[in-house]
C-alpha atoms as a PDB file:
ATOM      1  CA  MET A   1      77.515 130.824 172.301  1.00  0.00           C
ATOM      2  CA  GLU A   2      78.334 134.538 172.202  1.00  0.00           C
ATOM      3  CA  GLN A   3      75.876 136.802 174.010  1.00  0.00           C
ATOM      4  CA  HIS A   4      74.752 139.881 172.122  1.00  0.00           C
ATOM      5  CA  ASP A   5      73.201 143.091 173.364  1.00  0.00           C
ATOM      6  CA  THR A   6      71.150 144.136 170.366  1.00  0.00           C
ATOM      7  CA  ASN A   7      69.974 147.414 171.891  1.00  0.00           C
ATOM      8  CA  LYS A   8      73.559 148.467 172.657  1.00  0.00           C
ATOM      9  CA  GLU A   9      74.870 147.354 169.264  1.00  0.00           C
ATOM     10  CA  PHE A  10      72.041 149.133 167.469  1.00  0.00           C
ATOM     11  CA  ALA A  11      72.673 152.318 169.464  1.00  0.00           C
ATOM     12  CA  GLU A  12      76.391 152.204 168.569  1.00  0.00           C
ATOM     13  CA  ALA A  13      75.651 151.729 164.856  1.00  0.00           C
ATOM     14  CA  ILE A  14      73.129 154.574 164.927  1.00  0.00           C
ATOM     15  CA  ALA A  15      75.634 156.800 166.737  1.00  0.00           C
ATOM     16  CA  SER A  16      78.174 156.354 163.923  1.00  0.00           C
ATOM     17  CA  CYS A  17      75.500 157.198 161.330  1.00  0.00           C
ATOM     18  CA  ARG A  18      74.286 160.187 163.339  1.00  0.00           C
ATOM     19  CA  THR A  19      77.834 161.556 163.595  1.00  0.00           C
ATOM     20  CA  ILE A  20      78.224 161.497 159.802  1.00  0.00           C
ATOM     21  CA  PHE A  21      74.742 162.996 159.326  1.00  0.00           C
ATOM     22  CA  GLN A  22      75.515 165.828 161.756  1.00  0.00           C
ATOM     23  CA  LYS A  23      78.886 166.626 160.156  1.00  0.00           C
ATOM     24  CA  LYS A  24      77.373 166.711 156.667  1.00  0.00           C
ATOM     25  CA  LEU A  25      74.501 168.811 157.976  1.00  0.00           C
ATOM     26  CA  LYS A  26      77.011 171.341 159.313  1.00  0.00           C
ATOM     27  CA  ASP A  27      78.908 171.310 155.991  1.00  0.00           C
ATOM     28  CA  TYR A  28      75.922 171.478 153.613  1.00  0.00           C
ATOM     29  CA  GLY A  29      72.889 172.368 155.701  1.00  0.00           C
ATOM     30  CA  ALA A  30      69.708 170.557 154.749  1.00  0.00           C
ATOM     31  CA  ALA A  31      70.459 170.862 151.016  1.00  0.00           C
ATOM     32  CA  TRP A  32      68.656 167.545 150.522  1.00  0.00           C
ATOM     33  CA  ARG A  33      65.345 169.359 151.161  1.00  0.00           C
ATOM     34  CA  ILE A  34      65.103 170.071 147.431  1.00  0.00           C
ATOM     35  CA  MET A  35      65.205 166.338 146.584  1.00  0.00           C
ATOM     36  CA  ARG A  36      62.012 164.483 145.773  1.00  0.00           C
ATOM     37  CA  PRO A  37      61.559 161.119 147.514  1.00  0.00           C
ATOM     38  CA  SER A  38      62.186 159.314 144.208  1.00  0.00           C
ATOM     39  CA  SER A  39      65.611 160.977 144.020  1.00  0.00           C
ATOM     40  CA  ILE A  40      66.357 159.781 147.558  1.00  0.00           C
ATOM     41  CA  THR A  41      65.386 156.268 146.469  1.00  0.00           C
ATOM     42  CA  ASP A  42      67.836 156.548 143.576  1.00  0.00           C
ATOM     43  CA  GLN A  43      70.622 157.731 145.902  1.00  0.00           C
ATOM     44  CA  ILE A  44      70.069 154.660 148.078  1.00  0.00           C
ATOM     45  CA  LEU A  45      70.067 152.512 144.925  1.00  0.00           C
ATOM     46  CA  ILE A  46      73.467 153.892 143.905  1.00  0.00           C
ATOM     47  CA  LYS A  47      74.895 153.022 147.322  1.00  0.00           C
ATOM     48  CA  ALA A  48      73.363 149.529 147.387  1.00  0.00           C
ATOM     49  CA  ASN A  49      74.593 148.818 143.853  1.00  0.00           C
ATOM     50  CA  ARG A  50      78.117 149.859 144.844  1.00  0.00           C
ATOM     51  CA  ILE A  51      77.992 147.560 147.864  1.00  0.00           C
ATOM     52  CA  ARG A  52      76.864 144.651 145.687  1.00  0.00           C
ATOM     53  CA  THR A  53      79.590 145.370 143.149  1.00  0.00           C
ATOM     54  CA  LEU A  54      82.234 145.423 145.894  1.00  0.00           C
ATOM     55  CA  GLU A  55      80.839 142.221 147.408  1.00  0.00           C
ATOM     56  CA  THR A  56      80.861 140.527 144.008  1.00  0.00           C
ATOM     57  CA  THR A  57      84.210 141.720 142.673  1.00  0.00           C
ATOM     58  CA  GLY A  58      86.103 142.138 145.923  1.00  0.00           C
ATOM     59  CA  THR A  59      87.913 145.176 144.525  1.00  0.00           C
ATOM     60  CA  ALA A  60      87.312 148.898 144.803  1.00  0.00           C
ATOM     61  CA  MET A  61      88.673 151.587 142.517  1.00  0.00           C
ATOM     62  CA  VAL A  62      87.734 154.258 145.073  1.00  0.00           C
ATOM     63  CA  ASP A  63      89.409 153.831 148.448  1.00  0.00           C
ATOM     64  CA  GLU A  64      86.204 153.418 150.468  1.00  0.00           C
ATOM     65  CA  GLY A  65      84.754 150.148 151.663  1.00  0.00           C
ATOM     66  CA  ILE A  66      81.159 149.121 152.093  1.00  0.00           C
ATOM     67  CA  GLN A  67      80.768 150.515 155.608  1.00  0.00           C
ATOM     68  CA  PRO A  68      80.409 154.163 154.451  1.00  0.00           C
ATOM     69  CA  GLU A  69      77.834 153.029 151.886  1.00  0.00           C
ATOM     70  CA  PHE A  70      75.710 151.306 154.545  1.00  0.00           C
ATOM     71  CA  ILE A  71      75.961 154.487 156.645  1.00  0.00           C
ATOM     72  CA  GLY A  72      74.795 156.429 153.591  1.00  0.00           C
ATOM     73  CA  ILE A  73      71.802 154.088 153.206  1.00  0.00           C
ATOM     74  CA  VAL A  74      70.820 154.689 156.823  1.00  0.00           C
ATOM     75  CA  ASN A  75      71.120 158.456 156.506  1.00  0.00           C
ATOM     76  CA  TYR A  76      69.434 158.727 153.120  1.00  0.00           C
ATOM     77  CA  GLY A  77      66.685 156.446 154.438  1.00  0.00           C
ATOM     78  CA  VAL A  78      66.025 158.877 157.278  1.00  0.00           C
ATOM     79  CA  VAL A  79      66.116 161.784 154.814  1.00  0.00           C
ATOM     80  CA  GLY A  80      63.624 159.872 152.671  1.00  0.00           C
ATOM     81  CA  LEU A  81      61.256 159.543 155.616  1.00  0.00           C
ATOM     82  CA  ILE A  82      61.554 163.266 156.286  1.00  0.00           C
ATOM     83  CA  GLN A  83      60.893 164.068 152.642  1.00  0.00           C
ATOM     84  CA  LEU A  84      57.840 161.790 152.578  1.00  0.00           C
ATOM     85  CA  GLU A  85      56.401 163.732 155.510  1.00  0.00           C
ATOM     86  CA  ARG A  86      57.415 167.218 154.389  1.00  0.00           C
ATOM     87  CA  GLY A  87      57.596 166.913 150.616  1.00  0.00           C
ATOM     88  CA  ALA A  88      60.402 168.388 148.548  1.00  0.00           C
ATOM     89  CA  ALA A  89      61.048 172.107 148.931  1.00  0.00           C
ATOM     90  CA  ASP A  90      62.088 174.572 146.258  1.00  0.00           C
ATOM     91  CA  VAL A  91      64.694 176.036 148.604  1.00  0.00           C
ATOM     92  CA  VAL A  92      66.364 174.857 151.783  1.00  0.00           C
ATOM     93  CA  ASP A  93      63.699 175.611 154.363  1.00  0.00           C
ATOM     94  CA  MET A  94      64.956 173.726 157.395  1.00  0.00           C
ATOM     95  CA  THR A  95      67.489 174.630 160.029  1.00  0.00           C
ATOM     96  CA  VAL A  96      70.237 172.300 161.161  1.00  0.00           C
ATOM     97  CA  GLU A  97      68.453 172.000 164.509  1.00  0.00           C
ATOM     98  CA  GLU A  98      65.120 171.076 162.941  1.00  0.00           C
ATOM     99  CA  ALA A  99      66.782 168.529 160.631  1.00  0.00           C
ATOM    100  CA  SER A 100      68.556 167.002 163.642  1.00  0.00           C
ATOM    101  CA  GLU A 101      65.291 166.741 165.575  1.00  0.00           C
ATOM    102  CA  LEU A 102      63.563 165.051 162.650  1.00  0.00           C
ATOM    103  CA  TYR A 103      66.512 162.663 162.291  1.00  0.00           C
ATOM    104  CA  GLU A 104      66.019 161.634 165.920  1.00  0.00           C
ATOM    105  CA  THR A 105      62.270 161.228 165.444  1.00  0.00           C
ATOM    106  CA  TYR A 106      62.634 158.916 162.464  1.00  0.00           C
ATOM    107  CA  ILE A 107      65.637 156.936 163.695  1.00  0.00           C
ATOM    108  CA  THR A 108      63.717 156.289 166.937  1.00  0.00           C
ATOM    109  CA  LYS A 109      60.612 155.193 165.025  1.00  0.00           C
ATOM    110  CA  THR A 110      62.758 152.905 162.871  1.00  0.00           C
ATOM    111  CA  THR A 111      64.544 151.473 165.914  1.00  0.00           C
ATOM    112  CA  ASN A 112      61.207 150.732 167.582  1.00  0.00           C
ATOM    113  CA  LEU A 113      60.114 148.852 164.454  1.00  0.00           C
ATOM    114  CA  MET A 114      63.323 146.814 164.539  1.00  0.00           C
ATOM    115  CA  LEU A 115      62.845 145.966 168.219  1.00  0.00           C
ATOM    116  CA  ALA A 116      59.304 144.743 167.601  1.00  0.00           C
ATOM    117  CA  LYS A 117      60.292 142.668 164.568  1.00  0.00           C
ATOM    118  CA  ASN A 118      63.442 141.410 166.283  1.00  0.00           C
ATOM    119  CA  HIS A 119      61.331 140.122 169.155  1.00  0.00           C
ATOM    120  CA  ASP A 120      58.958 138.310 166.794  1.00  0.00           C
ATOM    121  CA  TYR A 121      61.699 136.883 164.562  1.00  0.00           C
ATOM    122  CA  GLY A 122      64.075 135.910 167.377  1.00  0.00           C
ATOM    123  CA  GLU A 123      67.102 137.808 166.062  1.00  0.00           C
ATOM    124  CA  ALA A 124      67.071 135.850 162.804  1.00  0.00           C
ATOM    125  CA  TRP A 125      69.050 138.690 161.213  1.00  0.00           C
ATOM    126  CA  ARG A 126      72.141 137.429 163.040  1.00  0.00           C
ATOM    127  CA  LEU A 127      71.981 134.233 160.954  1.00  0.00           C
ATOM    128  CA  MET A 128      71.998 136.146 157.680  1.00  0.00           C
ATOM    129  CA  ARG A 129      75.003 137.064 155.577  1.00  0.00           C
ATOM    130  CA  ILE A 130      75.851 140.720 154.964  1.00  0.00           C
ATOM    131  CA  SER A 131      75.372 140.076 151.244  1.00  0.00           C
ATOM    132  CA  SER A 132      71.776 139.048 152.005  1.00  0.00           C
ATOM    133  CA  TYR A 133      71.168 142.437 153.605  1.00  0.00           C
ATOM    134  CA  THR A 134      72.428 144.029 150.395  1.00  0.00           C
ATOM    135  CA  ASP A 135      70.063 141.891 148.329  1.00  0.00           C
ATOM    136  CA  MET A 136      67.135 142.672 150.648  1.00  0.00           C
ATOM    137  CA  ILE A 137      67.878 146.392 150.365  1.00  0.00           C
ATOM    138  CA  LEU A 138      68.001 146.110 146.569  1.00  0.00           C
ATOM    139  CA  SER A 139      64.688 144.218 146.611  1.00  0.00           C
ATOM    140  CA  LYS A 140      63.110 146.886 148.842  1.00  0.00           C
ATOM    141  CA  LEU A 141      64.401 149.511 146.403  1.00  0.00           C
ATOM    142  CA  GLN A 142      62.681 147.769 143.481  1.00  0.00           C
ATOM    143  CA  ARG A 143      59.458 147.663 145.503  1.00  0.00           C
ATOM    144  CA  THR A 144      59.812 151.326 146.423  1.00  0.00           C
ATOM    145  CA  LYS A 145      60.417 152.352 142.822  1.00  0.00           C
ATOM    146  CA  GLN A 146      57.312 150.432 141.748  1.00  0.00           C
ATOM    147  CA  ILE A 147      55.225 152.124 144.456  1.00  0.00           C
ATOM    148  CA  GLU A 148      56.630 155.503 143.379  1.00  0.00           C
ATOM    149  CA  ASP A 149      55.726 154.689 139.769  1.00  0.00           C
ATOM    150  CA  ASN A 150      52.191 153.931 141.034  1.00  0.00           C
ATOM    151  CA  ASP A 151      52.006 157.420 142.606  1.00  0.00           C
ATOM    152  CA  GLY A 152      52.475 155.950 146.084  1.00  0.00           C
ATOM    153  CA  LYS A 153      49.389 153.743 145.878  1.00  0.00           C
ATOM    154  CA  THR A 154      49.391 150.102 146.960  1.00  0.00           C
ATOM    155  CA  LEU A 155      46.606 147.531 147.012  1.00  0.00           C
ATOM    156  CA  ILE A 156      47.830 145.356 149.866  1.00  0.00           C
ATOM    157  CA  SER A 157      51.504 146.134 150.436  1.00  0.00           C
ATOM    158  CA  GLU A 158      53.287 148.380 152.893  1.00  0.00           C
ATOM    159  CA  GLY A 159      54.068 151.880 151.712  1.00  0.00           C
ATOM    160  CA  ILE A 160      57.282 153.666 150.863  1.00  0.00           C
ATOM    161  CA  ASP A 161      57.896 154.633 154.485  1.00  0.00           C
ATOM    162  CA  ALA A 162      57.904 150.993 155.638  1.00  0.00           C
ATOM    163  CA  ASN A 163      60.348 150.101 152.868  1.00  0.00           C
ATOM    164  CA  TYR A 164      62.678 152.947 153.862  1.00  0.00           C
ATOM    165  CA  MET A 165      62.575 151.777 157.491  1.00  0.00           C
ATOM    166  CA  ASP A 166      63.364 148.203 156.468  1.00  0.00           C
ATOM    167  CA  MET A 167      66.305 149.402 154.350  1.00  0.00           C
ATOM    168  CA  ILE A 168      67.617 151.439 157.286  1.00  0.00           C
ATOM    169  CA  ASN A 169      67.370 148.435 159.586  1.00  0.00           C
ATOM    170  CA  TYR A 170      69.089 146.061 157.133  1.00  0.00           C
ATOM    171  CA  ALA A 171      71.910 148.593 156.743  1.00  0.00           C
ATOM    172  CA  LEU A 172      72.207 148.873 160.528  1.00  0.00           C
ATOM    173  CA  PHE A 173      72.363 145.072 160.825  1.00  0.00           C
ATOM    174  CA  ALA A 174      75.225 145.102 158.308  1.00  0.00           C
ATOM    175  CA  LEU A 175      77.038 147.839 160.223  1.00  0.00           C
ATOM    176  CA  ILE A 176      76.735 145.831 163.440  1.00  0.00           C
ATOM    177  CA  LYS A 177      78.146 142.718 161.793  1.00  0.00           C
ATOM    178  CA  LEU A 178      80.946 144.698 160.138  1.00  0.00           C
ATOM    179  CA  SER A 179      81.872 146.323 163.445  1.00  0.00           C
ATOM    180  CA  TYR A 180      82.319 142.857 164.942  1.00  0.00           C
ATOM    181  CA  GLY A 181      84.539 141.673 162.102  1.00  0.00           C
ATOM    182  CA  GLU A 182      82.001 139.661 160.155  1.00  0.00           C
ATOM    183  CA  GLN A 183      82.748 140.099 156.480  1.00  0.00           C
ATOM    184  CA  ARG A 184      80.166 137.842 154.843  1.00  0.00           C
END
């Protein structure tokens, strides 16, 4: 049986997402600051729907695979967490440095959640198919949209932030599997 180092694999997947986030931050600044959390949710939905379409049809009209879309889910998920904390701004009110610091704060918090759950579930995510991660992300998106439609109120369920963190972690699981050549 192959031995895995989840912490190392997670760190590598996060590093690839961070690199893209940093490059886009340098290109655009924190332009996403004007987006409301519901718009972030919709951006993640677009990416997850594209992944599902590519998984289902096996063909892409745009020459990008599913890996960049999972990276986008991770990065938009972190942006969503930032926006939940800060709220949408009318103008870009955050420096590249501050956005980078907040990225680290939320990716660390999300990683810590994964480590705790991974311990309790015994790395069950490794038994799942990549397409199941896509479906779980889409399910979390439906939950998030419902919570947003309820003005963020829940009776018993986790909030929007927990759903964003779960989506980030599912996307990171997919990126790990894709980096090791698993295509299902």
